[in-house]
Amino acid sequence: MSIYKIFRREEWDALCAEGQTLGAPIDLQDGFIHFSTAEQAAETAAKHFAGQDGLVLAACDPDQLGDRLAWEPSRGGALFPHLYRALARTEVLSVWDLPLRDGRHVFPDEIQ
């Protein structure tokens, strides 16, 4: 099982250049990096990235992120993965572009 982080292109490019990230402005504000499960990712995209093109979807193995990954209640009481440390580029297993078509983000078949 993987967990997923949606990045804006500039955030992804910064992670690649710097080798690690503390996340987007909302992550910095909340004090952790927001992830979603496969089942939560489309709703996360629709809610927090509506109408935004140029997104990148990154997959990580939660078992490799260590004890600073917490599963905490959020939207509707569902448990969401939150990482309380920087994410290293080397911890990202797979990456896909997340195109916008007809107002909706198109997710790769692997996570649907």
N, C-alpha and C. Protein backbone atom coordinates (compact mmCIF):
# COMPACT_ATOMS: atom_id res chain seq x y z
N MET A 1 0.84 -1.18 0.00
CA MET A 1 0.00 0.00 0.00
C MET A 1 0.89 1.25 0.00
N SER A 2 0.50 2.21 -0.79
CA SER A 2 1.20 3.50 -0.83
C SER A 2 0.30 4.59 -0.29
N ILE A 3 0.90 5.69 0.09
CA ILE A 3 0.18 6.92 0.40
C ILE A 3 0.66 7.96 -0.60
N TYR A 4 -0.12 9.03 -0.77
CA TYR A 4 0.09 9.96 -1.87
C TYR A 4 0.12 11.40 -1.40
N LYS A 5 1.03 12.15 -2.02
CA LYS A 5 1.15 13.58 -1.79
C LYS A 5 0.97 14.28 -3.13
N ILE A 6 0.10 15.28 -3.14
CA ILE A 6 -0.12 16.09 -4.34
C ILE A 6 0.73 17.35 -4.21
N PHE A 7 1.56 17.57 -5.23
CA PHE A 7 2.43 18.74 -5.26
C PHE A 7 2.04 19.65 -6.42
N ARG A 8 2.17 20.94 -6.24
CA ARG A 8 2.18 21.86 -7.38
C ARG A 8 3.54 21.69 -8.05
N ARG A 9 3.60 21.93 -9.32
CA ARG A 9 4.84 21.69 -10.08
C ARG A 9 6.04 22.38 -9.44
N GLU A 10 5.88 23.62 -9.02
CA GLU A 10 7.02 24.34 -8.43
C GLU A 10 7.45 23.72 -7.10
N GLU A 11 6.51 23.17 -6.35
CA GLU A 11 6.86 22.49 -5.10
C GLU A 11 7.63 21.20 -5.39
N TRP A 12 7.18 20.47 -6.41
CA TRP A 12 7.88 19.24 -6.80
C TRP A 12 9.28 19.56 -7.29
N ASP A 13 9.40 20.57 -8.13
CA ASP A 13 10.71 20.96 -8.65
C ASP A 13 11.66 21.37 -7.52
N ALA A 14 11.13 22.06 -6.51
CA ALA A 14 11.95 22.46 -5.36
C ALA A 14 12.40 21.23 -4.57
N LEU A 15 11.52 20.25 -4.40
CA LEU A 15 11.89 19.01 -3.71
C LEU A 15 13.01 18.30 -4.47
N CYS A 16 12.89 18.23 -5.78
CA CYS A 16 13.93 17.57 -6.58
C CYS A 16 15.26 18.31 -6.49
N ALA A 17 15.20 19.63 -6.50
CA ALA A 17 16.43 20.43 -6.44
C ALA A 17 17.09 20.39 -5.06
N GLU A 18 16.27 20.41 -4.01
CA GLU A 18 16.81 20.50 -2.65
C GLU A 18 16.97 19.15 -1.98
N GLY A 19 16.31 18.13 -2.51
CA GLY A 19 16.43 16.79 -1.94
C GLY A 19 15.47 16.47 -0.82
N GLN A 20 14.79 17.48 -0.31
CA GLN A 20 13.79 17.27 0.73
C GLN A 20 12.85 18.46 0.79
N THR A 21 11.72 18.26 1.48
CA THR A 21 10.75 19.34 1.62
C THR A 21 10.00 19.20 2.94
N LEU A 22 9.57 20.33 3.46
CA LEU A 22 8.65 20.35 4.59
C LEU A 22 7.23 20.56 4.09
N GLY A 23 7.07 20.59 2.76
CA GLY A 23 5.74 20.64 2.16
C GLY A 23 5.34 22.01 1.65
N ALA A 24 4.06 22.08 1.32
CA ALA A 24 3.43 23.29 0.80
C ALA A 24 3.14 24.26 1.93
N PRO A 25 2.72 25.47 1.61
CA PRO A 25 2.39 26.43 2.68
C PRO A 25 1.39 25.88 3.71
N ILE A 26 0.38 25.13 3.28
CA ILE A 26 -0.58 24.57 4.24
C ILE A 26 0.09 23.56 5.16
N ASP A 27 1.06 22.81 4.63
CA ASP A 27 1.80 21.86 5.46
C ASP A 27 2.62 22.59 6.51
N LEU A 28 3.29 23.64 6.09
CA LEU A 28 4.09 24.44 7.01
C LEU A 28 3.21 25.05 8.10
N GLN A 29 2.05 25.54 7.70
CA GLN A 29 1.10 26.14 8.65
C GLN A 29 0.61 25.10 9.66
N ASP A 30 0.31 23.90 9.19
CA ASP A 30 -0.25 22.86 10.07
C ASP A 30 0.82 22.10 10.85
N GLY A 31 2.08 22.19 10.42
CA GLY A 31 3.16 21.54 11.15
C GLY A 31 3.41 20.10 10.74
N PHE A 32 2.83 19.67 9.63
CA PHE A 32 3.05 18.33 9.12
C PHE A 32 2.74 18.30 7.63
N ILE A 33 3.26 17.28 6.93
CA ILE A 33 2.99 17.11 5.50
C ILE A 33 1.75 16.25 5.35
N HIS A 34 0.77 16.79 4.64
CA HIS A 34 -0.49 16.09 4.38
C HIS A 34 -0.31 15.04 3.29
N PHE A 35 -0.73 13.83 3.57
CA PHE A 35 -0.80 12.75 2.58
C PHE A 35 -2.24 12.27 2.52
N SER A 36 -2.54 11.48 1.50
CA SER A 36 -3.84 10.83 1.34
C SER A 36 -3.64 9.38 0.97
N THR A 37 -4.62 8.56 1.30
CA THR A 37 -4.62 7.19 0.79
C THR A 37 -5.14 7.22 -0.65
N ALA A 38 -5.07 6.09 -1.33
CA ALA A 38 -5.59 6.01 -2.69
C ALA A 38 -7.07 6.39 -2.73
N GLU A 39 -7.81 5.96 -1.73
CA GLU A 39 -9.24 6.24 -1.67
C GLU A 39 -9.54 7.71 -1.40
N GLN A 40 -8.62 8.41 -0.78
CA GLN A 40 -8.83 9.81 -0.40
C GLN A 40 -8.27 10.81 -1.40
N ALA A 41 -7.39 10.38 -2.28
CA ALA A 41 -6.62 11.30 -3.12
C ALA A 41 -7.49 12.14 -4.06
N ALA A 42 -8.46 11.54 -4.71
CA ALA A 42 -9.30 12.29 -5.65
C ALA A 42 -10.09 13.38 -4.93
N GLU A 43 -10.62 13.07 -3.76
CA GLU A 43 -11.36 14.07 -3.00
C GLU A 43 -10.43 15.18 -2.51
N THR A 44 -9.22 14.81 -2.12
CA THR A 44 -8.23 15.82 -1.72
C THR A 44 -7.94 16.76 -2.88
N ALA A 45 -7.75 16.20 -4.07
CA ALA A 45 -7.48 17.03 -5.25
C ALA A 45 -8.65 17.97 -5.53
N ALA A 46 -9.87 17.44 -5.48
CA ALA A 46 -11.05 18.25 -5.77
C ALA A 46 -11.25 19.35 -4.73
N LYS A 47 -10.97 19.05 -3.49
CA LYS A 47 -11.21 20.01 -2.41
C LYS A 47 -10.12 21.08 -2.31
N HIS A 48 -8.86 20.66 -2.42
CA HIS A 48 -7.75 21.58 -2.15
C HIS A 48 -7.02 22.07 -3.40
N PHE A 49 -7.28 21.45 -4.56
CA PHE A 49 -6.57 21.82 -5.79
C PHE A 49 -7.54 22.02 -6.95
N ALA A 50 -8.77 22.37 -6.66
CA ALA A 50 -9.80 22.53 -7.70
C ALA A 50 -9.34 23.50 -8.78
N GLY A 51 -9.44 23.05 -10.02
CA GLY A 51 -9.10 23.90 -11.16
C GLY A 51 -7.62 24.12 -11.40
N GLN A 52 -6.76 23.53 -10.58
CA GLN A 52 -5.32 23.73 -10.73
C GLN A 52 -4.72 22.67 -11.65
N ASP A 53 -4.04 23.13 -12.66
CA ASP A 53 -3.35 22.23 -13.57
C ASP A 53 -1.87 22.19 -13.18
N GLY A 54 -1.13 21.27 -13.78
CA GLY A 54 0.30 21.20 -13.52
C GLY A 54 0.64 20.56 -12.19
N LEU A 55 -0.22 19.67 -11.71
CA LEU A 55 0.05 19.00 -10.44
C LEU A 55 0.84 17.72 -10.64
N VAL A 56 1.50 17.29 -9.58
CA VAL A 56 2.29 16.07 -9.57
C VAL A 56 1.81 15.21 -8.41
N LEU A 57 1.62 13.92 -8.67
CA LEU A 57 1.21 12.98 -7.64
C LEU A 57 2.41 12.10 -7.31
N ALA A 58 2.77 12.06 -6.02
CA ALA A 58 3.93 11.28 -5.58
C ALA A 58 3.46 10.19 -4.63
N ALA A 59 3.98 8.98 -4.82
CA ALA A 59 3.65 7.85 -3.97
C ALA A 59 4.81 7.52 -3.04
N CYS A 60 4.47 7.23 -1.79
CA CYS A 60 5.46 6.82 -0.79
C CYS A 60 4.95 5.57 -0.07
N ASP A 61 5.87 4.79 0.44
CA ASP A 61 5.53 3.63 1.25
C ASP A 61 5.45 4.08 2.70
N PRO A 62 4.26 4.00 3.31
CA PRO A 62 4.16 4.49 4.69
C PRO A 62 5.05 3.73 5.67
N ASP A 63 5.34 2.48 5.39
CA ASP A 63 6.20 1.70 6.29
C ASP A 63 7.64 2.19 6.27
N GLN A 64 8.03 2.90 5.21
CA GLN A 64 9.39 3.41 5.10
C GLN A 64 9.55 4.82 5.68
N LEU A 65 8.44 5.44 6.10
CA LEU A 65 8.50 6.81 6.59
C LEU A 65 8.74 6.90 8.10
N GLY A 66 8.71 5.78 8.77
CA GLY A 66 9.08 5.75 10.18
C GLY A 66 8.00 6.20 11.13
N ASP A 67 8.41 6.40 12.37
CA ASP A 67 7.45 6.67 13.43
C ASP A 67 6.99 8.13 13.49
N ARG A 68 7.47 8.96 12.57
CA ARG A 68 7.00 10.35 12.50
C ARG A 68 5.79 10.47 11.58
N LEU A 69 5.31 9.34 11.05
CA LEU A 69 4.08 9.30 10.27
C LEU A 69 2.95 8.91 11.22
N ALA A 70 1.93 9.76 11.29
CA ALA A 70 0.78 9.50 12.17
C ALA A 70 -0.49 9.43 11.33
N TRP A 71 -1.38 8.57 11.73
CA TRP A 71 -2.70 8.45 11.09
C TRP A 71 -3.69 9.16 12.01
N GLU A 72 -4.22 10.29 11.52
CA GLU A 72 -5.04 11.14 12.37
C GLU A 72 -6.37 11.46 11.71
N PRO A 73 -7.43 11.60 12.53
CA PRO A 73 -8.74 11.91 11.96
C PRO A 73 -8.76 13.29 11.32
N SER A 74 -9.44 13.38 10.20
CA SER A 74 -9.59 14.64 9.49
C SER A 74 -10.98 14.64 8.87
N ARG A 75 -11.06 14.94 7.59
CA ARG A 75 -12.32 15.05 6.86
C ARG A 75 -13.29 13.92 7.21
N GLY A 76 -14.39 14.25 7.84
CA GLY A 76 -15.41 13.27 8.15
C GLY A 76 -14.97 12.20 9.13
N GLY A 77 -13.90 12.46 9.87
CA GLY A 77 -13.41 11.50 10.84
C GLY A 77 -12.51 10.42 10.25
N ALA A 78 -12.30 10.44 8.94
CA ALA A 78 -11.42 9.45 8.30
C ALA A 78 -9.98 9.68 8.74
N LEU A 79 -9.22 8.61 8.84
CA LEU A 79 -7.81 8.72 9.21
C LEU A 79 -6.97 9.08 7.99
N PHE A 80 -6.19 10.13 8.14
CA PHE A 80 -5.29 10.60 7.08
C PHE A 80 -3.86 10.48 7.56
N PRO A 81 -2.93 10.14 6.67
CA PRO A 81 -1.51 10.07 7.04
C PRO A 81 -0.88 11.47 7.06
N HIS A 82 -0.22 11.79 8.16
CA HIS A 82 0.46 13.07 8.34
C HIS A 82 1.91 12.81 8.74
N LEU A 83 2.84 13.42 8.00
CA LEU A 83 4.26 13.22 8.26
C LEU A 83 4.81 14.42 9.02
N TYR A 84 5.34 14.17 10.21
CA TYR A 84 5.86 15.23 11.09
C TYR A 84 7.37 15.37 10.96
N ARG A 85 7.84 15.43 9.75
CA ARG A 85 9.25 15.69 9.46
C ARG A 85 9.36 15.97 7.96
N ALA A 86 10.56 16.32 7.53
CA ALA A 86 10.78 16.56 6.11
C ALA A 86 10.65 15.25 5.33
N LEU A 87 10.18 15.37 4.11
CA LEU A 87 10.11 14.25 3.18
C LEU A 87 11.31 14.33 2.26
N ALA A 88 12.07 13.26 2.16
CA ALA A 88 13.22 13.21 1.26
C ALA A 88 12.78 12.75 -0.13
N ARG A 89 13.41 13.27 -1.15
CA ARG A 89 13.10 12.85 -2.53
C ARG A 89 13.32 11.36 -2.68
N THR A 90 14.30 10.81 -2.01
CA THR A 90 14.60 9.38 -2.12
C THR A 90 13.49 8.50 -1.53
N GLU A 91 12.58 9.08 -0.76
CA GLU A 91 11.47 8.33 -0.19
C GLU A 91 10.27 8.24 -1.12
N VAL A 92 10.32 8.98 -2.22
CA VAL A 92 9.23 8.95 -3.21
C VAL A 92 9.49 7.78 -4.16
N LEU A 93 8.53 6.86 -4.21
CA LEU A 93 8.69 5.65 -5.00
C LEU A 93 8.26 5.81 -6.45
N SER A 94 7.19 6.56 -6.68
CA SER A 94 6.64 6.76 -8.02
C SER A 94 6.08 8.16 -8.12
N VAL A 95 6.07 8.68 -9.35
CA VAL A 95 5.59 10.03 -9.61
C VAL A 95 4.79 10.02 -10.91
N TRP A 96 3.67 10.73 -10.91
CA TRP A 96 2.85 10.88 -12.11
C TRP A 96 2.43 12.34 -12.23
N ASP A 97 2.26 12.79 -13.47
CA ASP A 97 1.58 14.06 -13.70
C ASP A 97 0.12 13.84 -13.37
N LEU A 98 -0.54 14.87 -12.90
CA LEU A 98 -1.95 14.79 -12.54
C LEU A 98 -2.70 15.82 -13.37
N PRO A 99 -3.00 15.47 -14.62
CA PRO A 99 -3.61 16.45 -15.53
C PRO A 99 -5.05 16.79 -15.15
N LEU A 100 -5.47 17.94 -15.59
CA LEU A 100 -6.82 18.43 -15.39
C LEU A 100 -7.57 18.29 -16.71
N ARG A 101 -8.64 17.52 -16.71
CA ARG A 101 -9.46 17.33 -17.92
C ARG A 101 -10.92 17.55 -17.55
N ASP A 102 -11.56 18.45 -18.28
CA ASP A 102 -12.97 18.76 -18.03
C ASP A 102 -13.21 19.12 -16.56
N GLY A 103 -12.26 19.83 -15.98
CA GLY A 103 -12.42 20.32 -14.62
C GLY A 103 -12.10 19.32 -13.52
N ARG A 104 -11.68 18.10 -13.89
CA ARG A 104 -11.35 17.07 -12.90
C ARG A 104 -9.93 16.56 -13.11
N HIS A 105 -9.29 16.20 -12.02
CA HIS A 105 -7.94 15.65 -12.11
C HIS A 105 -8.03 14.18 -12.52
N VAL A 106 -7.16 13.80 -13.43
CA VAL A 106 -7.13 12.42 -13.93
C VAL A 106 -6.00 11.68 -13.22
N PHE A 107 -6.40 10.68 -12.43
CA PHE A 107 -5.45 9.90 -11.65
C PHE A 107 -4.97 8.68 -12.43
N PRO A 108 -3.76 8.24 -12.17
CA PRO A 108 -3.25 7.05 -12.86
C PRO A 108 -4.07 5.81 -12.47
N ASP A 109 -4.18 4.90 -13.40
CA ASP A 109 -4.95 3.68 -13.17
C ASP A 109 -4.45 2.91 -11.96
N GLU A 110 -3.16 2.99 -11.67
CA GLU A 110 -2.56 2.22 -10.57
C GLU A 110 -3.18 2.52 -9.22
N ILE A 111 -3.75 3.70 -9.03
CA ILE A 111 -4.26 4.02 -7.69
C ILE A 111 -5.78 4.13 -7.65
N GLN A 112 -6.44 3.81 -8.71
CA GLN A 112 -7.90 3.94 -8.69
C GLN A 112 -8.57 2.64 -8.27
